[in-house]
C-alpha atoms as a PDB file:
ATOM      1  CA  UNK A   1      -6.541  24.523  -2.152  1.00  0.00           C
ATOM      2  CA  UNK A   2      -9.175  22.113  -3.289  1.00  0.00           C
ATOM      3  CA  UNK A   3     -10.062  19.044  -0.841  1.00  0.00           C
ATOM      4  CA  UNK A   4      -8.589  15.629  -2.484  1.00  0.00           C
ATOM      5  CA  UNK A   5     -10.387  12.460  -2.112  1.00  0.00           C
ATOM      6  CA  UNK A   6      -7.494  10.501  -1.078  1.00  0.00           C
ATOM      7  CA  UNK A   7      -4.247  11.375   0.858  1.00  0.00           C
ATOM      8  CA  UNK A   8      -1.817   8.534   1.055  1.00  0.00           C
ATOM      9  CA  UNK A   9       0.798   8.920   3.628  1.00  0.00           C
ATOM     10  CA  UNK A  10       3.676   6.819   3.430  1.00  0.00           C
ATOM     11  CA  UNK A  11       6.501   5.154   1.416  1.00  0.00           C
ATOM     12  CA  UNK A  12       7.818   6.570  -1.816  1.00  0.00           C
ATOM     13  CA  UNK A  13      10.684   4.682  -3.200  1.00  0.00           C
ATOM     14  CA  UNK A  14      11.387   2.907  -6.683  1.00  0.00           C
ATOM     15  CA  UNK A  15      11.751  -0.577  -7.123  1.00  0.00           C
ATOM     16  CA  UNK A  16      14.344  -2.450  -9.006  1.00  0.00           C
ATOM     17  CA  UNK A  17      12.673  -5.638 -10.505  1.00  0.00           C
ATOM     18  CA  UNK A  18      14.959  -8.635 -11.382  1.00  0.00           C
ATOM     19  CA  UNK A  19      12.495 -11.020 -12.988  1.00  0.00           C
ATOM     20  CA  UNK A  20      13.184 -14.780 -13.579  1.00  0.00           C
ATOM     21  CA  UNK A  21      15.672 -14.522 -10.689  1.00  0.00           C
ATOM     22  CA  UNK A  22      17.424 -17.640  -9.288  1.00  0.00           C
ATOM     23  CA  UNK A  23      17.961 -18.547  -5.778  1.00  0.00           C
ATOM     24  CA  UNK A  24      20.676 -15.648  -4.901  1.00  0.00           C
ATOM     25  CA  UNK A  25      23.955 -17.160  -3.399  1.00  0.00           C
ATOM     26  CA  UNK A  26      26.971 -15.555  -1.739  1.00  0.00           C
ATOM     27  CA  UNK A  27      30.499 -16.738  -2.671  1.00  0.00           C
ATOM     28  CA  UNK A  28      30.962 -14.197  -5.314  1.00  0.00           C
ATOM     29  CA  UNK A  29      28.398 -16.237  -7.718  1.00  0.00           C
ATOM     30  CA  UNK A  30      26.955 -14.300 -10.544  1.00  0.00           C
ATOM     31  CA  UNK A  31      23.858 -15.539 -11.770  1.00  0.00           C
ATOM     32  CA  UNK A  32      21.899 -14.315 -15.233  1.00  0.00           C
ATOM     33  CA  UNK A  33      18.200 -12.723 -14.671  1.00  0.00           C
ATOM     34  CA  UNK A  34      15.936 -12.474 -17.282  1.00  0.00           C
ATOM     35  CA  UNK A  35      15.298  -8.761 -17.249  1.00  0.00           C
ATOM     36  CA  UNK A  36      15.443  -5.693 -14.863  1.00  0.00           C
ATOM     37  CA  UNK A  37      13.788  -2.753 -14.801  1.00  0.00           C
ATOM     38  CA  UNK A  38      13.202   0.660 -12.366  1.00  0.00           C
ATOM     39  CA  UNK A  39       9.844   1.213 -11.816  1.00  0.00           C
ATOM     40  CA  UNK A  40       7.519   2.973  -9.179  1.00  0.00           C
ATOM     41  CA  UNK A  41       8.039   1.344  -6.046  1.00  0.00           C
ATOM     42  CA  UNK A  42       6.910   1.877  -2.240  1.00  0.00           C
ATOM     43  CA  UNK A  43       3.267   0.808  -1.320  1.00  0.00           C
ATOM     44  CA  UNK A  44       1.945   4.283  -0.610  1.00  0.00           C
ATOM     45  CA  UNK A  45       3.288   5.352  -4.161  1.00  0.00           C
ATOM     46  CA  UNK A  46       1.612   2.568  -6.055  1.00  0.00           C
ATOM     47  CA  UNK A  47      -1.462   3.001  -3.946  1.00  0.00           C
ATOM     48  CA  UNK A  48      -1.771   6.834  -4.663  1.00  0.00           C
ATOM     49  CA  UNK A  49      -0.724   6.018  -8.786  1.00  0.00           C
ATOM     50  CA  UNK A  50      -3.830   3.260  -8.594  1.00  0.00           C
ATOM     51  CA  UNK A  51      -6.328   5.340  -7.061  1.00  0.00           C
ATOM     52  CA  UNK A  52      -5.232   8.235  -9.346  1.00  0.00           C
ATOM     53  CA  UNK A  53      -5.772   6.042 -12.300  1.00  0.00           C
ATOM     54  CA  UNK A  54      -9.484   5.169 -11.163  1.00  0.00           C
ATOM     55  CA  UNK A  55     -10.173   8.723 -11.028  1.00  0.00           C
ATOM     56  CA  UNK A  56      -9.745   9.920  -7.329  1.00  0.00           C
ATOM     57  CA  UNK A  57      -8.084  13.131  -6.609  1.00  0.00           C
ATOM     58  CA  UNK A  58      -5.209  11.732  -5.025  1.00  0.00           C
ATOM     59  CA  UNK A  59      -2.058  13.033  -2.889  1.00  0.00           C
ATOM     60  CA  UNK A  60       1.064  11.532  -1.591  1.00  0.00           C
ATOM     61  CA  UNK A  61       2.992  12.629   1.494  1.00  0.00           C
ATOM     62  CA  UNK A  62       6.080  10.922   2.021  1.00  0.00           C
ATOM     63  CA  UNK A  63      10.074  11.721   1.955  1.00  0.00           C
ATOM     64  CA  UNK A  64      12.470  11.273  -0.902  1.00  0.00           C
ATOM     65  CA  UNK A  65      16.252  12.192  -1.167  1.00  0.00           C
ATOM     66  CA  UNK A  66      17.700  14.991  -3.463  1.00  0.00           C
ATOM     67  CA  UNK A  67      19.189  12.259  -5.784  1.00  0.00           C
ATOM     68  CA  UNK A  68      18.283  10.396  -8.964  1.00  0.00           C
ATOM     69  CA  UNK A  69      15.920   8.003  -7.491  1.00  0.00           C
ATOM     70  CA  UNK A  70      14.043  10.975  -5.539  1.00  0.00           C
ATOM     71  CA  UNK A  71      13.706  12.984  -9.015  1.00  0.00           C
ATOM     72  CA  UNK A  72      12.389   9.697 -10.624  1.00  0.00           C
ATOM     73  CA  UNK A  73       9.693   9.359  -7.948  1.00  0.00           C
ATOM     74  CA  UNK A  74       8.461  12.626  -8.424  1.00  0.00           C
ATOM     75  CA  UNK A  75       8.619  12.829 -11.843  1.00  0.00           C
ATOM     76  CA  UNK A  76       7.004   9.424 -12.451  1.00  0.00           C
ATOM     77  CA  UNK A  77       4.078  10.329  -9.574  1.00  0.00           C
ATOM     78  CA  UNK A  78       3.299  13.510 -11.370  1.00  0.00           C
ATOM     79  CA  UNK A  79       2.857  11.896 -14.769  1.00  0.00           C
ATOM     80  CA  UNK A  80       0.334   9.392 -13.321  1.00  0.00           C
ATOM     81  CA  UNK A  81      -1.752  12.450 -12.058  1.00  0.00           C
ATOM     82  CA  UNK A  82      -0.856  12.130  -8.318  1.00  0.00           C
ATOM     83  CA  UNK A  83      -0.535  15.557  -6.261  1.00  0.00           C
ATOM     84  CA  UNK A  84       3.119  15.589  -5.124  1.00  0.00           C
ATOM     85  CA  UNK A  85       3.086  18.801  -3.338  1.00  0.00           C
ATOM     86  CA  UNK A  86       3.612  17.068  -0.198  1.00  0.00           C
ATOM     87  CA  UNK A  87       6.412  14.969  -1.123  1.00  0.00           C
ATOM     88  CA  UNK A  88       9.071  16.220   0.699  1.00  0.00           C
ATOM     89  CA  UNK A  89      12.813  16.469   0.001  1.00  0.00           C
ATOM     90  CA  UNK A  90      15.602  15.585   2.327  1.00  0.00           C
ATOM     91  CA  UNK A  91      18.685  16.911   0.843  1.00  0.00           C
ATOM     92  CA  UNK A  92      21.146  15.257   3.414  1.00  0.00           C
ATOM     93  CA  UNK A  93      19.498  11.525   2.921  1.00  0.00           C
ATOM     94  CA  UNK A  94      19.333   9.113   0.223  1.00  0.00           C
ATOM     95  CA  UNK A  95      15.889   7.854  -1.182  1.00  0.00           C
ATOM     96  CA  UNK A  96      14.977   4.277  -0.508  1.00  0.00           C
ATOM     97  CA  UNK A  97      15.281   1.438  -2.827  1.00  0.00           C
ATOM     98  CA  UNK A  98      13.909  -1.876  -3.121  1.00  0.00           C
ATOM     99  CA  UNK A  99      15.389  -4.861  -5.300  1.00  0.00           C
ATOM    100  CA  UNK A 100      12.639  -7.251  -6.105  1.00  0.00           C
ATOM    101  CA  UNK A 101      13.514 -10.691  -6.981  1.00  0.00           C
ATOM    102  CA  UNK A 102      10.715 -12.259  -8.900  1.00  0.00           C
ATOM    103  CA  UNK A 103      10.251 -15.489  -9.896  1.00  0.00           C
ATOM    104  CA  UNK A 104       6.888 -16.668 -10.984  1.00  0.00           C
ATOM    105  CA  UNK A 105       4.231 -15.571  -8.503  1.00  0.00           C
ATOM    106  CA  UNK A 106       6.661 -15.312  -5.666  1.00  0.00           C
ATOM    107  CA  UNK A 107       8.984 -12.898  -4.628  1.00  0.00           C
ATOM    108  CA  UNK A 108      11.915 -11.843  -2.262  1.00  0.00           C
ATOM    109  CA  UNK A 109      12.326  -8.248  -1.487  1.00  0.00           C
ATOM    110  CA  UNK A 110      15.570  -6.616  -0.428  1.00  0.00           C
ATOM    111  CA  UNK A 111      14.978  -2.941   0.928  1.00  0.00           C
ATOM    112  CA  UNK A 112      17.302  -0.030   1.720  1.00  0.00           C
ATOM    113  CA  UNK A 113      15.150   2.233   3.803  1.00  0.00           C
ATOM    114  CA  UNK A 114      16.984   5.508   3.353  1.00  0.00           C
ATOM    115  CA  UNK A 115      14.221   8.591   3.690  1.00  0.00           C
ATOM    116  CA  UNK A 116      11.287   5.925   3.973  1.00  0.00           C
ATOM    117  CA  UNK A 117      11.389   5.921   7.719  1.00  0.00           C
ATOM    118  CA  UNK A 118      12.011   9.841   7.834  1.00  0.00           C
ATOM    119  CA  UNK A 119       8.109  11.006   7.545  1.00  0.00           C
ATOM    120  CA  UNK A 120       7.148  12.305  10.811  1.00  0.00           C
ATOM    121  CA  UNK A 121       3.757  13.916  12.044  1.00  0.00           C
ATOM    122  CA  UNK A 122       5.544  17.321  11.297  1.00  0.00           C
ATOM    123  CA  UNK A 123       5.866  16.281   7.970  1.00  0.00           C
ATOM    124  CA  UNK A 124       2.007  15.960   7.586  1.00  0.00           C
ATOM    125  CA  UNK A 125       1.748  19.237   8.990  1.00  0.00           C
ATOM    126  CA  UNK A 126       3.622  21.037   6.969  1.00  0.00           C
ATOM    127  CA  UNK A 127       2.069  19.592   3.723  1.00  0.00           C
ATOM    128  CA  UNK A 128      -0.856  21.292   4.631  1.00  0.00           C
ATOM    129  CA  UNK A 129      -3.043  18.932   2.482  1.00  0.00           C
ATOM    130  CA  UNK A 130      -6.565  17.682   3.378  1.00  0.00           C
ATOM    131  CA  UNK A 131      -8.577  14.908   2.194  1.00  0.00           C
ATOM    132  CA  UNK A 132     -11.859  12.907   2.632  1.00  0.00           C
ATOM    133  CA  UNK A 133      -9.716   9.952   3.329  1.00  0.00           C
ATOM    134  CA  UNK A 134      -6.515   9.446   4.905  1.00  0.00           C
ATOM    135  CA  UNK A 135      -4.878   6.154   4.179  1.00  0.00           C
ATOM    136  CA  UNK A 136      -1.155   5.154   5.904  1.00  0.00           C
ATOM    137  CA  UNK A 137       0.559   2.654   3.991  1.00  0.00           C
ATOM    138  CA  UNK A 138       3.546   0.101   5.214  1.00  0.00           C
ATOM    139  CA  UNK A 139       2.828   0.790   8.830  1.00  0.00           C
ATOM    140  CA  UNK A 140       5.874  -1.333  10.104  1.00  0.00           C
ATOM    141  CA  UNK A 141       8.191   0.878   7.963  1.00  0.00           C
ATOM    142  CA  UNK A 142       6.949   4.021   9.177  1.00  0.00           C
ATOM    143  CA  UNK A 143       9.140   4.384  12.355  1.00  0.00           C
ATOM    144  CA  UNK A 144       9.398   7.972  13.106  1.00  0.00           C
ATOM    145  CA  UNK A 145       5.558   8.130  12.278  1.00  0.00           C
ATOM    146  CA  UNK A 146       3.913   5.346  13.692  1.00  0.00           C
ATOM    147  CA  UNK A 147       4.407   6.256  17.401  1.00  0.00           C
ATOM    148  CA  UNK A 148       2.271   9.387  17.006  1.00  0.00           C
ATOM    149  CA  UNK A 149      -0.023   7.821  14.341  1.00  0.00           C
ATOM    150  CA  UNK A 150      -2.837   7.108  16.825  1.00  0.00           C
ATOM    151  CA  UNK A 151      -3.242  10.838  17.565  1.00  0.00           C
ATOM    152  CA  UNK A 152      -2.693  11.998  14.191  1.00  0.00           C
ATOM    153  CA  UNK A 153      -5.698   9.554  12.966  1.00  0.00           C
ATOM    154  CA  UNK A 154      -7.803  10.754  15.830  1.00  0.00           C
ATOM    155  CA  UNK A 155      -7.406  14.259  14.684  1.00  0.00           C
ATOM    156  CA  UNK A 156      -8.233  13.557  11.290  1.00  0.00           C
ATOM    157  CA  UNK A 157     -11.419  11.667  12.084  1.00  0.00           C
ATOM    158  CA  UNK A 158     -12.165  14.595  14.514  1.00  0.00           C
ATOM    159  CA  UNK A 159     -12.056  16.745  11.372  1.00  0.00           C
ATOM    160  CA  UNK A 160     -14.614  14.546   9.555  1.00  0.00           C
ATOM    161  CA  UNK A 161     -12.239  12.354   7.433  1.00  0.00           C
ATOM    162  CA  UNK A 162     -12.188   8.512   7.399  1.00  0.00           C
ATOM    163  CA  UNK A 163      -8.720   6.505   7.910  1.00  0.00           C
ATOM    164  CA  UNK A 164      -7.299   3.425   7.025  1.00  0.00           C
ATOM    165  CA  UNK A 165      -3.770   1.639   7.656  1.00  0.00           C
ATOM    166  CA  UNK A 166      -1.838  -1.057   5.577  1.00  0.00           C
ATOM    167  CA  UNK A 167       0.151  -3.313   7.829  1.00  0.00           C
ATOM    168  CA  UNK A 168       2.450  -4.675   5.064  1.00  0.00           C
ATOM    169  CA  UNK A 169       5.211  -6.943   6.386  1.00  0.00           C
ATOM    170  CA  UNK A 170       6.922  -6.315   9.750  1.00  0.00           C
ATOM    171  CA  UNK A 171      10.778  -6.489   8.988  1.00  0.00           C
ATOM    172  CA  UNK A 172      11.514  -6.820  12.825  1.00  0.00           C
ATOM    173  CA  UNK A 173       8.588  -8.961  13.096  1.00  0.00           C
ATOM    174  CA  UNK A 174       7.415  -7.809  16.450  1.00  0.00           C
ATOM    175  CA  UNK A 175       3.939  -7.209  14.781  1.00  0.00           C
ATOM    176  CA  UNK A 176       2.752  -4.076  17.116  1.00  0.00           C
ATOM    177  CA  UNK A 177       4.966  -1.042  17.274  1.00  0.00           C
ATOM    178  CA  UNK A 178       1.578   0.910  18.448  1.00  0.00           C
ATOM    179  CA  UNK A 179      -0.193  -0.654  15.366  1.00  0.00           C
ATOM    180  CA  UNK A 180      -3.019  -1.886  17.929  1.00  0.00           C
ATOM    181  CA  UNK A 181      -3.420   1.351  19.429  1.00  0.00           C
ATOM    182  CA  UNK A 182      -3.477   3.125  16.022  1.00  0.00           C
ATOM    183  CA  UNK A 183      -6.536   0.659  15.318  1.00  0.00           C
ATOM    184  CA  UNK A 184      -8.763   2.261  17.532  1.00  0.00           C
ATOM    185  CA  UNK A 185      -8.832   5.315  15.282  1.00  0.00           C
ATOM    186  CA  UNK A 186      -8.648   3.384  12.180  1.00  0.00           C
ATOM    187  CA  UNK A 187     -11.962   2.847   9.966  1.00  0.00           C
ATOM    188  CA  UNK A 188     -10.081  -0.101   7.712  1.00  0.00           C
ATOM    189  CA  UNK A 189      -7.385  -2.415   8.201  1.00  0.00           C
ATOM    190  CA  UNK A 190      -5.868  -3.919   5.304  1.00  0.00           C
ATOM    191  CA  UNK A 191      -3.197  -6.667   5.307  1.00  0.00           C
ATOM    192  CA  UNK A 192      -2.873 -10.087   3.479  1.00  0.00           C
ATOM    193  CA  UNK A 193      -3.233 -13.433   5.140  1.00  0.00           C
ATOM    194  CA  UNK A 194      -0.004 -13.900   6.810  1.00  0.00           C
ATOM    195  CA  UNK A 195       0.131 -10.341   8.114  1.00  0.00           C
ATOM    196  CA  UNK A 196      -3.241 -10.465   9.687  1.00  0.00           C
ATOM    197  CA  UNK A 197      -2.754 -13.767  11.367  1.00  0.00           C
ATOM    198  CA  UNK A 198       1.043 -12.695  12.927  1.00  0.00           C
ATOM    199  CA  UNK A 199      -0.684  -9.462  13.939  1.00  0.00           C
ATOM    200  CA  UNK A 200      -3.365 -10.984  15.941  1.00  0.00           C
ATOM    201  CA  UNK A 201      -1.557 -13.818  17.122  1.00  0.00           C
ATOM    202  CA  UNK A 202      -3.732 -16.195  15.604  1.00  0.00           C
ATOM    203  CA  UNK A 203      -3.322 -19.274  13.265  1.00  0.00           C
ATOM    204  CA  UNK A 204      -6.456 -19.068  11.264  1.00  0.00           C
ATOM    205  CA  UNK A 205      -7.192 -16.090   8.896  1.00  0.00           C
ATOM    206  CA  UNK A 206     -10.664 -15.718   9.627  1.00  0.00           C
ATOM    207  CA  UNK A 207     -10.268 -16.024  13.401  1.00  0.00           C
ATOM    208  CA  UNK A 208      -7.445 -13.562  13.159  1.00  0.00           C
ATOM    209  CA  UNK A 209      -9.448 -10.877  11.440  1.00  0.00           C
ATOM    210  CA  UNK A 210     -12.514 -11.265  13.700  1.00  0.00           C
ATOM    211  CA  UNK A 211     -10.143 -10.697  16.709  1.00  0.00           C
ATOM    212  CA  UNK A 212      -8.674  -6.887  15.173  1.00  0.00           C
ATOM    213  CA  UNK A 213     -12.209  -6.353  13.984  1.00  0.00           C
ATOM    214  CA  UNK A 214     -13.234  -6.294  17.430  1.00  0.00           C
ATOM    215  CA  UNK A 215     -11.105  -3.343  18.187  1.00  0.00           C
ATOM    216  CA  UNK A 216     -13.419  -1.602  15.665  1.00  0.00           C
ATOM    217  CA  UNK A 217     -12.270  -1.369  12.242  1.00  0.00           C
ATOM    218  CA  UNK A 218     -13.287  -3.144   9.207  1.00  0.00           C
ATOM    219  CA  UNK A 219     -10.754  -5.740   8.348  1.00  0.00           C
ATOM    220  CA  UNK A 220      -9.850  -6.106   5.148  1.00  0.00           C
ATOM    221  CA  UNK A 221      -7.589  -9.199   4.270  1.00  0.00           C
ATOM    222  CA  UNK A 222      -5.900 -10.069   0.814  1.00  0.00           C
ATOM    223  CA  UNK A 223      -5.693 -13.712   0.043  1.00  0.00           C
ATOM    224  CA  UNK A 224      -3.999 -13.664  -3.650  1.00  0.00           C
ATOM    225  CA  UNK A 225      -5.384 -16.269  -6.146  1.00  0.00           C
ATOM    226  CA  UNK A 226      -8.027 -16.706  -3.331  1.00  0.00           C
ATOM    227  CA  UNK A 227      -9.605 -13.186  -3.619  1.00  0.00           C
ATOM    228  CA  UNK A 228     -10.189 -11.590  -0.366  1.00  0.00           C
ATOM    229  CA  UNK A 229     -12.365 -11.374   2.691  1.00  0.00           C
ATOM    230  CA  UNK A 230     -13.620  -8.337   4.861  1.00  0.00           C
ATOM    231  CA  UNK A 231     -14.725  -8.757   8.504  1.00  0.00           C
ATOM    232  CA  UNK A 232     -16.984  -6.289   9.922  1.00  0.00           C
ATOM    233  CA  UNK A 233     -18.062  -7.282  13.561  1.00  0.00           C
ATOM    234  CA  UNK A 234     -19.456 -10.717  12.935  1.00  0.00           C
ATOM    235  CA  UNK A 235     -19.963 -10.410   9.458  1.00  0.00           C
ATOM    236  CA  UNK A 236     -17.649 -11.967   6.687  1.00  0.00           C
ATOM    237  CA  UNK A 237     -17.807 -11.190   3.245  1.00  0.00           C
ATOM    238  CA  UNK A 238     -15.902 -13.070   0.444  1.00  0.00           C
ATOM    239  CA  UNK A 239     -14.823 -11.820  -3.125  1.00  0.00           C
ATOM    240  CA  UNK A 240     -13.064 -13.902  -5.667  1.00  0.00           C
ATOM    241  CA  UNK A 241      -9.971 -12.860  -7.578  1.00  0.00           C
ATOM    242  CA  UNK A 242     -10.010 -12.616 -11.296  1.00  0.00           C
ATOM    243  CA  UNK A 243      -8.245 -15.121 -13.832  1.00  0.00           C
ATOM    244  CA  UNK A 244      -5.636 -13.281 -15.665  1.00  0.00           C
ATOM    245  CA  UNK A 245      -2.408 -14.018 -16.972  1.00  0.00           C
ATOM    246  CA  UNK A 246       0.171 -13.247 -14.660  1.00  0.00           C
ATOM    247  CA  UNK A 247       3.142 -11.771 -15.282  1.00  0.00           C
ATOM    248  CA  UNK A 248       4.092 -10.635 -11.901  1.00  0.00           C
ATOM    249  CA  UNK A 249       2.135  -9.708  -8.402  1.00  0.00           C
ATOM    250  CA  UNK A 250       4.532  -6.813  -7.460  1.00  0.00           C
ATOM    251  CA  UNK A 251       2.006  -4.120  -5.949  1.00  0.00           C
ATOM    252  CA  UNK A 252      -1.074  -6.025  -6.515  1.00  0.00           C
ATOM    253  CA  UNK A 253      -2.069  -5.803  -2.704  1.00  0.00           C
ATOM    254  CA  UNK A 254      -1.533  -1.890  -3.257  1.00  0.00           C
ATOM    255  CA  UNK A 255      -3.898  -1.795  -6.247  1.00  0.00           C
ATOM    256  CA  UNK A 256      -6.358  -3.809  -4.327  1.00  0.00           C
ATOM    257  CA  UNK A 257      -6.184  -1.030  -1.385  1.00  0.00           C
ATOM    258  CA  UNK A 258      -6.887   1.718  -4.423  1.00  0.00           C
ATOM    259  CA  UNK A 259      -9.777  -0.143  -5.624  1.00  0.00           C
ATOM    260  CA  UNK A 260     -11.314  -0.875  -2.182  1.00  0.00           C
ATOM    261  CA  UNK A 261     -10.939   2.875  -1.231  1.00  0.00           C
ATOM    262  CA  UNK A 262     -12.408   4.089  -4.416  1.00  0.00           C
ATOM    263  CA  UNK A 263     -15.762   1.946  -3.972  1.00  0.00           C
ATOM    264  CA  UNK A 264     -15.749   2.985  -0.030  1.00  0.00           C
ATOM    265  CA  UNK A 265     -15.456   6.610  -1.118  1.00  0.00           C
ATOM    266  CA  UNK A 266     -17.905   6.249  -3.613  1.00  0.00           C
ATOM    267  CA  UNK A 267     -20.379   5.089  -1.074  1.00  0.00           C
ATOM    268  CA  UNK A 268     -20.673   1.598  -2.760  1.00  0.00           C
ATOM    269  CA  UNK A 269     -21.736  -1.546  -0.496  1.00  0.00           C
ATOM    270  CA  UNK A 270     -18.964  -3.931   1.105  1.00  0.00           C
ATOM    271  CA  UNK A 271     -19.484  -6.396  -1.303  1.00  0.00           C
ATOM    272  CA  UNK A 272     -19.373  -4.170  -4.249  1.00  0.00           C
ATOM    273  CA  UNK A 273     -16.245  -2.497  -2.770  1.00  0.00           C
ATOM    274  CA  UNK A 274     -14.474  -5.695  -2.279  1.00  0.00           C
ATOM    275  CA  UNK A 275     -15.459  -6.959  -5.890  1.00  0.00           C
ATOM    276  CA  UNK A 276     -13.688  -3.898  -7.017  1.00  0.00           C
ATOM    277  CA  UNK A 277     -10.568  -4.016  -5.072  1.00  0.00           C
ATOM    278  CA  UNK A 278     -10.104  -7.909  -6.341  1.00  0.00           C
ATOM    279  CA  UNK A 279     -10.413  -6.915  -9.903  1.00  0.00           C
ATOM    280  CA  UNK A 280      -7.925  -3.883  -9.359  1.00  0.00           C
ATOM    281  CA  UNK A 281      -5.208  -6.345  -7.388  1.00  0.00           C
ATOM    282  CA  UNK A 282      -5.860  -9.225 -10.452  1.00  0.00           C
ATOM    283  CA  UNK A 283      -5.596  -6.683 -13.535  1.00  0.00           C
ATOM    284  CA  UNK A 284      -2.441  -4.932 -12.092  1.00  0.00           C
ATOM    285  CA  UNK A 285      -0.772  -8.546 -12.379  1.00  0.00           C
ATOM    286  CA  UNK A 286      -0.775  -8.203 -16.203  1.00  0.00           C
ATOM    287  CA  UNK A 287       2.514  -6.705 -16.502  1.00  0.00           C
ATOM    288  CA  UNK A 288       5.848  -6.073 -14.786  1.00  0.00           C
ATOM    289  CA  UNK A 289       5.872  -3.898 -12.075  1.00  0.00           C
ATOM    290  CA  UNK A 290       3.407  -2.323  -9.446  1.00  0.00           C
ATOM    291  CA  UNK A 291       1.603   0.369 -11.477  1.00  0.00           C
ATOM    292  CA  UNK A 292       1.909  -0.388 -15.645  1.00  0.00           C
ATOM    293  CA  UNK A 293      -0.977  -2.440 -15.679  1.00  0.00           C
ATOM    294  CA  UNK A 294      -3.630  -0.850 -13.240  1.00  0.00           C
ATOM    295  CA  UNK A 295      -7.055  -0.528 -14.619  1.00  0.00           C
ATOM    296  CA  UNK A 296      -9.019   2.662 -14.995  1.00  0.00           C
ATOM    297  CA  UNK A 297     -12.642   2.084 -13.295  1.00  0.00           C
ATOM    298  CA  UNK A 298     -14.555   1.297 -16.205  1.00  0.00           C
ATOM    299  CA  UNK A 299     -11.985  -1.404 -16.940  1.00  0.00           C
ATOM    300  CA  UNK A 300     -12.011  -2.710 -13.304  1.00  0.00           C
ATOM    301  CA  UNK A 301     -15.788  -2.706 -13.366  1.00  0.00           C
ATOM    302  CA  UNK A 302     -16.188  -4.414 -16.643  1.00  0.00           C
ATOM    303  CA  UNK A 303     -14.118  -7.272 -15.437  1.00  0.00           C
END
């Protein structure tokens, strides 16, 4: 089996997007939204699609159920050129699903984890896939995986691959769960501004990123309209976001990750990789959902 460029280890579940959502209220009150779409969801799945769109040979290892949502995800990912041979099917558990309430550039997310939390190191070993780079998405949702992730990453690095983690939000708001240990075996940490402050217990984004970078990883922080920063040791690199007509920002951070990893694996400079990441994240907001507007490499490079 040929080696992949990128192997994503993470969440794979559909998003039900409800756009133009008003504030939800209990008390059996019904409210009308502008539109509803079932689309590819899960940070891992969106990142994998973005990377494949950029031309990387990309695979996804995750768990879905033997149900409609699981079939939807498998078919949709395969259609976008993602290797799904490592996507495990669990017959006894439902595929996870997220309901995303979108209002302008803001959103609220309600997630039923289902099989999202079922991925384990054994699932990684069973898949038998190898790649130049291993990316772990939604660290805090990977409850069966994260306790042993540090040793798994160490083995991957010993075999010559590089590694990255995107923390995403911690629903339990504890902000560790083994993450700090795993960072010692991680080449790149991705987080947004709020996440990086909470992980580092700091009030300033740059100070938080410097604190985490002291543990060894390159820390890449996504700042939405303000672009992004990357902290390597004492060096701080900035990049600007693109000006685009935003439809919604669902999955923009995951498309950003795909862009940065495409630059990193192409041996581009830190400045070039960060600029490519910002372009991919910005351009992905041109359509509803995380994957509909993901750019090709020429599109992102020209932008």
